[in-house]
């Protein structure tokens, strides 16, 4: 045991062990850095795809008196990515431009949208608490806008 300890305590062996530890830590940090680059590329792709979603049509649909207020529209994917899990915000304004209501909705029911394709969607104005099928009071807005606020992307085969 004493000879083993003397061998491990030799300056050359200590130097090799130190170099090995430093290289191991550097490799671990490089792995973390490459993961950050991958995440950054994904975020860049999501931002690019989000900016290339085109609203083809958007309008309030006629509904029965006791039915939820409903908006219908068509979205087109002008990006080079397959888009899925689109989230949208619908804002309603009065005649003076005051914000009256905001609906944040997940449009995942439309599925994925390949590049160059379009999908129809609808958004119901329902309570976000309790029974989600309970319609909110009808809202009479002078102006209604929709903004796509988030999405997930998948690269297409090259």
C-alpha atoms as a PDB file:
ATOM      1  CA  UNK A   1       0.000   0.000   0.000  1.00  0.00           C
ATOM      2  CA  UNK A   2       2.867   2.335   0.845  1.00  0.00           C
ATOM      3  CA  UNK A   3       4.437   1.726  -2.586  1.00  0.00           C
ATOM      4  CA  UNK A   4       1.131   2.420  -4.323  1.00  0.00           C
ATOM      5  CA  UNK A   5       0.769   5.688  -2.451  1.00  0.00           C
ATOM      6  CA  UNK A   6       4.322   6.714  -3.340  1.00  0.00           C
ATOM      7  CA  UNK A   7       3.633   5.881  -6.978  1.00  0.00           C
ATOM      8  CA  UNK A   8       0.380   7.896  -7.031  1.00  0.00           C
ATOM      9  CA  UNK A   9       2.117  10.796  -5.263  1.00  0.00           C
ATOM     10  CA  UNK A  10       4.877  11.001  -7.879  1.00  0.00           C
ATOM     11  CA  UNK A  11       4.903  14.430  -9.615  1.00  0.00           C
ATOM     12  CA  UNK A  12       4.394  12.953 -13.082  1.00  0.00           C
ATOM     13  CA  UNK A  13       1.352  10.897 -11.994  1.00  0.00           C
ATOM     14  CA  UNK A  14      -0.165  13.890 -10.170  1.00  0.00           C
ATOM     15  CA  UNK A  15       0.305  15.966 -13.335  1.00  0.00           C
ATOM     16  CA  UNK A  16      -1.404  13.291 -15.497  1.00  0.00           C
ATOM     17  CA  UNK A  17      -4.346  13.017 -13.069  1.00  0.00           C
ATOM     18  CA  UNK A  18      -4.701  16.822 -12.991  1.00  0.00           C
ATOM     19  CA  UNK A  19      -4.620  17.066 -16.783  1.00  0.00           C
ATOM     20  CA  UNK A  20      -7.217  14.286 -17.026  1.00  0.00           C
ATOM     21  CA  UNK A  21      -9.540  16.106 -14.618  1.00  0.00           C
ATOM     22  CA  UNK A  22      -9.141  19.405 -16.479  1.00  0.00           C
ATOM     23  CA  UNK A  23      -9.853  17.730 -19.849  1.00  0.00           C
ATOM     24  CA  UNK A  24     -12.888  15.972 -18.393  1.00  0.00           C
ATOM     25  CA  UNK A  25     -14.299  19.246 -17.061  1.00  0.00           C
ATOM     26  CA  UNK A  26     -13.631  20.967 -20.390  1.00  0.00           C
ATOM     27  CA  UNK A  27     -15.476  18.190 -22.249  1.00  0.00           C
ATOM     28  CA  UNK A  28     -18.424  18.553 -19.880  1.00  0.00           C
ATOM     29  CA  UNK A  29     -18.545  22.316 -20.451  1.00  0.00           C
ATOM     30  CA  UNK A  30     -18.294  21.878 -24.238  1.00  0.00           C
ATOM     31  CA  UNK A  31     -21.263  19.517 -24.086  1.00  0.00           C
ATOM     32  CA  UNK A  32     -23.245  22.197 -22.230  1.00  0.00           C
ATOM     33  CA  UNK A  33     -22.218  24.856 -24.752  1.00  0.00           C
ATOM     34  CA  UNK A  34     -23.328  22.697 -27.703  1.00  0.00           C
ATOM     35  CA  UNK A  35     -26.680  22.114 -25.982  1.00  0.00           C
ATOM     36  CA  UNK A  36     -27.101  25.892 -25.683  1.00  0.00           C
ATOM     37  CA  UNK A  37     -26.437  26.279 -29.425  1.00  0.00           C
ATOM     38  CA  UNK A  38     -29.054  23.606 -30.181  1.00  0.00           C
ATOM     39  CA  UNK A  39     -31.604  25.367 -27.957  1.00  0.00           C
ATOM     40  CA  UNK A  40     -30.789  28.726 -29.559  1.00  0.00           C
ATOM     41  CA  UNK A  41     -31.308  27.284 -33.048  1.00  0.00           C
ATOM     42  CA  UNK A  42     -34.667  25.852 -31.986  1.00  0.00           C
ATOM     43  CA  UNK A  43     -35.728  29.203 -30.559  1.00  0.00           C
ATOM     44  CA  UNK A  44     -34.605  31.006 -33.730  1.00  0.00           C
ATOM     45  CA  UNK A  45     -36.607  28.540 -35.828  1.00  0.00           C
ATOM     46  CA  UNK A  46     -39.696  29.050 -33.650  1.00  0.00           C
ATOM     47  CA  UNK A  47     -39.427  32.837 -33.903  1.00  0.00           C
ATOM     48  CA  UNK A  48     -38.951  32.639 -37.686  1.00  0.00           C
ATOM     49  CA  UNK A  49     -41.943  30.309 -38.092  1.00  0.00           C
ATOM     50  CA  UNK A  50     -44.119  32.461 -35.816  1.00  0.00           C
ATOM     51  CA  UNK A  51     -43.342  35.528 -37.919  1.00  0.00           C
ATOM     52  CA  UNK A  52     -44.268  33.657 -41.093  1.00  0.00           C
ATOM     53  CA  UNK A  53     -47.728  32.515 -39.966  1.00  0.00           C
ATOM     54  CA  UNK A  54     -50.244  34.368 -42.109  1.00  0.00           C
ATOM     55  CA  UNK A  55     -53.814  35.082 -41.103  1.00  0.00           C
ATOM     56  CA  UNK A  56     -55.897  34.446 -44.228  1.00  0.00           C
ATOM     57  CA  UNK A  57     -59.296  35.161 -42.663  1.00  0.00           C
ATOM     58  CA  UNK A  58     -60.752  35.922 -39.235  1.00  0.00           C
ATOM     59  CA  UNK A  59     -64.327  36.796 -38.257  1.00  0.00           C
ATOM     60  CA  UNK A  60     -66.936  36.344 -35.562  1.00  0.00           C
ATOM     61  CA  UNK A  61     -69.271  33.463 -36.380  1.00  0.00           C
ATOM     62  CA  UNK A  62     -73.022  33.553 -35.845  1.00  0.00           C
ATOM     63  CA  UNK A  63     -74.010  31.546 -32.757  1.00  0.00           C
ATOM     64  CA  UNK A  64     -77.189  30.831 -30.842  1.00  0.00           C
ATOM     65  CA  UNK A  65     -78.061  33.109 -27.920  1.00  0.00           C
ATOM     66  CA  UNK A  66     -76.957  30.641 -25.236  1.00  0.00           C
ATOM     67  CA  UNK A  67     -73.925  29.315 -27.172  1.00  0.00           C
ATOM     68  CA  UNK A  68     -70.367  30.529 -26.630  1.00  0.00           C
ATOM     69  CA  UNK A  69     -69.254  33.424 -28.787  1.00  0.00           C
ATOM     70  CA  UNK A  70     -67.110  31.980 -31.569  1.00  0.00           C
ATOM     71  CA  UNK A  71     -64.420  33.307 -33.900  1.00  0.00           C
ATOM     72  CA  UNK A  72     -63.377  31.404 -37.030  1.00  0.00           C
ATOM     73  CA  UNK A  73     -60.360  31.867 -39.217  1.00  0.00           C
ATOM     74  CA  UNK A  74     -57.776  30.391 -41.538  1.00  0.00           C
ATOM     75  CA  UNK A  75     -54.029  30.312 -40.903  1.00  0.00           C
ATOM     76  CA  UNK A  76     -51.297  29.687 -43.497  1.00  0.00           C
ATOM     77  CA  UNK A  77     -47.771  28.468 -42.751  1.00  0.00           C
ATOM     78  CA  UNK A  78     -45.320  30.416 -44.943  1.00  0.00           C
ATOM     79  CA  UNK A  79     -42.247  29.108 -43.108  1.00  0.00           C
ATOM     80  CA  UNK A  80     -39.892  26.279 -44.064  1.00  0.00           C
ATOM     81  CA  UNK A  81     -40.875  24.338 -40.926  1.00  0.00           C
ATOM     82  CA  UNK A  82     -43.733  22.084 -39.905  1.00  0.00           C
ATOM     83  CA  UNK A  83     -45.666  24.155 -37.346  1.00  0.00           C
ATOM     84  CA  UNK A  84     -47.683  22.691 -34.465  1.00  0.00           C
ATOM     85  CA  UNK A  85     -49.124  23.762 -31.094  1.00  0.00           C
ATOM     86  CA  UNK A  86     -50.009  27.251 -32.284  1.00  0.00           C
ATOM     87  CA  UNK A  87     -51.212  29.599 -29.555  1.00  0.00           C
ATOM     88  CA  UNK A  88     -53.177  32.760 -30.266  1.00  0.00           C
ATOM     89  CA  UNK A  89     -54.386  35.841 -28.407  1.00  0.00           C
ATOM     90  CA  UNK A  90     -57.660  37.486 -29.442  1.00  0.00           C
ATOM     91  CA  UNK A  91     -58.064  41.091 -28.267  1.00  0.00           C
ATOM     92  CA  UNK A  92     -61.389  42.971 -28.262  1.00  0.00           C
ATOM     93  CA  UNK A  93     -61.519  46.796 -28.241  1.00  0.00           C
ATOM     94  CA  UNK A  94     -64.310  49.340 -27.812  1.00  0.00           C
ATOM     95  CA  UNK A  95     -64.901  52.360 -30.099  1.00  0.00           C
ATOM     96  CA  UNK A  96     -62.338  54.451 -28.170  1.00  0.00           C
ATOM     97  CA  UNK A  97     -59.653  51.773 -28.602  1.00  0.00           C
ATOM     98  CA  UNK A  98     -59.799  50.603 -24.990  1.00  0.00           C
ATOM     99  CA  UNK A  99     -58.989  46.946 -24.466  1.00  0.00           C
ATOM    100  CA  UNK A 100     -62.115  45.114 -23.310  1.00  0.00           C
ATOM    101  CA  UNK A 101     -61.062  41.461 -23.287  1.00  0.00           C
ATOM    102  CA  UNK A 102     -58.194  39.115 -24.145  1.00  0.00           C
ATOM    103  CA  UNK A 103     -58.604  35.446 -24.992  1.00  0.00           C
ATOM    104  CA  UNK A 104     -55.480  33.302 -24.991  1.00  0.00           C
ATOM    105  CA  UNK A 105     -56.172  30.016 -26.710  1.00  0.00           C
ATOM    106  CA  UNK A 106     -54.308  26.933 -27.845  1.00  0.00           C
ATOM    107  CA  UNK A 107     -55.084  26.033 -31.464  1.00  0.00           C
ATOM    108  CA  UNK A 108     -53.650  22.516 -31.161  1.00  0.00           C
ATOM    109  CA  UNK A 109     -56.901  21.046 -32.531  1.00  0.00           C
ATOM    110  CA  UNK A 110     -55.752  22.116 -36.013  1.00  0.00           C
ATOM    111  CA  UNK A 111     -52.813  19.704 -35.749  1.00  0.00           C
ATOM    112  CA  UNK A 112     -49.569  20.342 -37.564  1.00  0.00           C
ATOM    113  CA  UNK A 113     -49.324  22.632 -40.574  1.00  0.00           C
ATOM    114  CA  UNK A 114     -46.715  21.697 -43.199  1.00  0.00           C
ATOM    115  CA  UNK A 115     -44.920  24.482 -45.087  1.00  0.00           C
ATOM    116  CA  UNK A 116     -47.177  26.195 -47.616  1.00  0.00           C
ATOM    117  CA  UNK A 117     -50.379  24.659 -46.194  1.00  0.00           C
ATOM    118  CA  UNK A 118     -53.280  26.311 -44.407  1.00  0.00           C
ATOM    119  CA  UNK A 119     -55.752  25.210 -41.739  1.00  0.00           C
ATOM    120  CA  UNK A 120     -59.087  26.492 -40.509  1.00  0.00           C
ATOM    121  CA  UNK A 121     -59.481  27.141 -36.782  1.00  0.00           C
ATOM    122  CA  UNK A 122     -62.049  28.393 -34.322  1.00  0.00           C
ATOM    123  CA  UNK A 123     -61.840  30.018 -30.917  1.00  0.00           C
ATOM    124  CA  UNK A 124     -64.725  29.991 -28.441  1.00  0.00           C
ATOM    125  CA  UNK A 125     -65.121  32.703 -25.829  1.00  0.00           C
ATOM    126  CA  UNK A 126     -65.752  30.616 -22.724  1.00  0.00           C
ATOM    127  CA  UNK A 127     -65.037  31.055 -19.040  1.00  0.00           C
ATOM    128  CA  UNK A 128     -61.547  30.023 -18.023  1.00  0.00           C
ATOM    129  CA  UNK A 129     -62.756  28.902 -14.611  1.00  0.00           C
ATOM    130  CA  UNK A 130     -65.225  26.258 -13.468  1.00  0.00           C
ATOM    131  CA  UNK A 131     -67.111  24.486 -16.220  1.00  0.00           C
ATOM    132  CA  UNK A 132     -65.148  25.303 -19.340  1.00  0.00           C
ATOM    133  CA  UNK A 133     -68.238  24.862 -21.493  1.00  0.00           C
ATOM    134  CA  UNK A 134     -69.990  27.747 -19.732  1.00  0.00           C
ATOM    135  CA  UNK A 135     -70.229  30.634 -22.192  1.00  0.00           C
ATOM    136  CA  UNK A 136     -69.083  34.065 -21.101  1.00  0.00           C
ATOM    137  CA  UNK A 137     -71.441  36.975 -21.621  1.00  0.00           C
ATOM    138  CA  UNK A 138     -71.591  38.055 -25.253  1.00  0.00           C
ATOM    139  CA  UNK A 139     -69.101  40.818 -25.945  1.00  0.00           C
ATOM    140  CA  UNK A 140     -69.923  43.582 -28.394  1.00  0.00           C
ATOM    141  CA  UNK A 141     -66.533  44.802 -29.592  1.00  0.00           C
ATOM    142  CA  UNK A 142     -65.916  47.465 -32.219  1.00  0.00           C
ATOM    143  CA  UNK A 143     -62.577  45.933 -33.205  1.00  0.00           C
ATOM    144  CA  UNK A 144     -61.169  42.431 -32.711  1.00  0.00           C
ATOM    145  CA  UNK A 145     -57.590  41.401 -33.473  1.00  0.00           C
ATOM    146  CA  UNK A 146     -55.752  38.104 -33.347  1.00  0.00           C
ATOM    147  CA  UNK A 147     -52.035  37.566 -32.790  1.00  0.00           C
ATOM    148  CA  UNK A 148     -50.176  34.268 -32.964  1.00  0.00           C
ATOM    149  CA  UNK A 149     -48.020  34.218 -29.840  1.00  0.00           C
ATOM    150  CA  UNK A 150     -46.296  30.827 -29.716  1.00  0.00           C
ATOM    151  CA  UNK A 151     -45.664  27.680 -31.723  1.00  0.00           C
ATOM    152  CA  UNK A 152     -43.454  24.598 -31.940  1.00  0.00           C
ATOM    153  CA  UNK A 153     -41.572  23.714 -35.083  1.00  0.00           C
ATOM    154  CA  UNK A 154     -40.132  20.627 -36.725  1.00  0.00           C
ATOM    155  CA  UNK A 155     -37.558  20.780 -39.489  1.00  0.00           C
ATOM    156  CA  UNK A 156     -38.671  19.341 -42.786  1.00  0.00           C
ATOM    157  CA  UNK A 157     -36.479  16.787 -44.526  1.00  0.00           C
ATOM    158  CA  UNK A 158     -33.854  18.463 -46.694  1.00  0.00           C
END
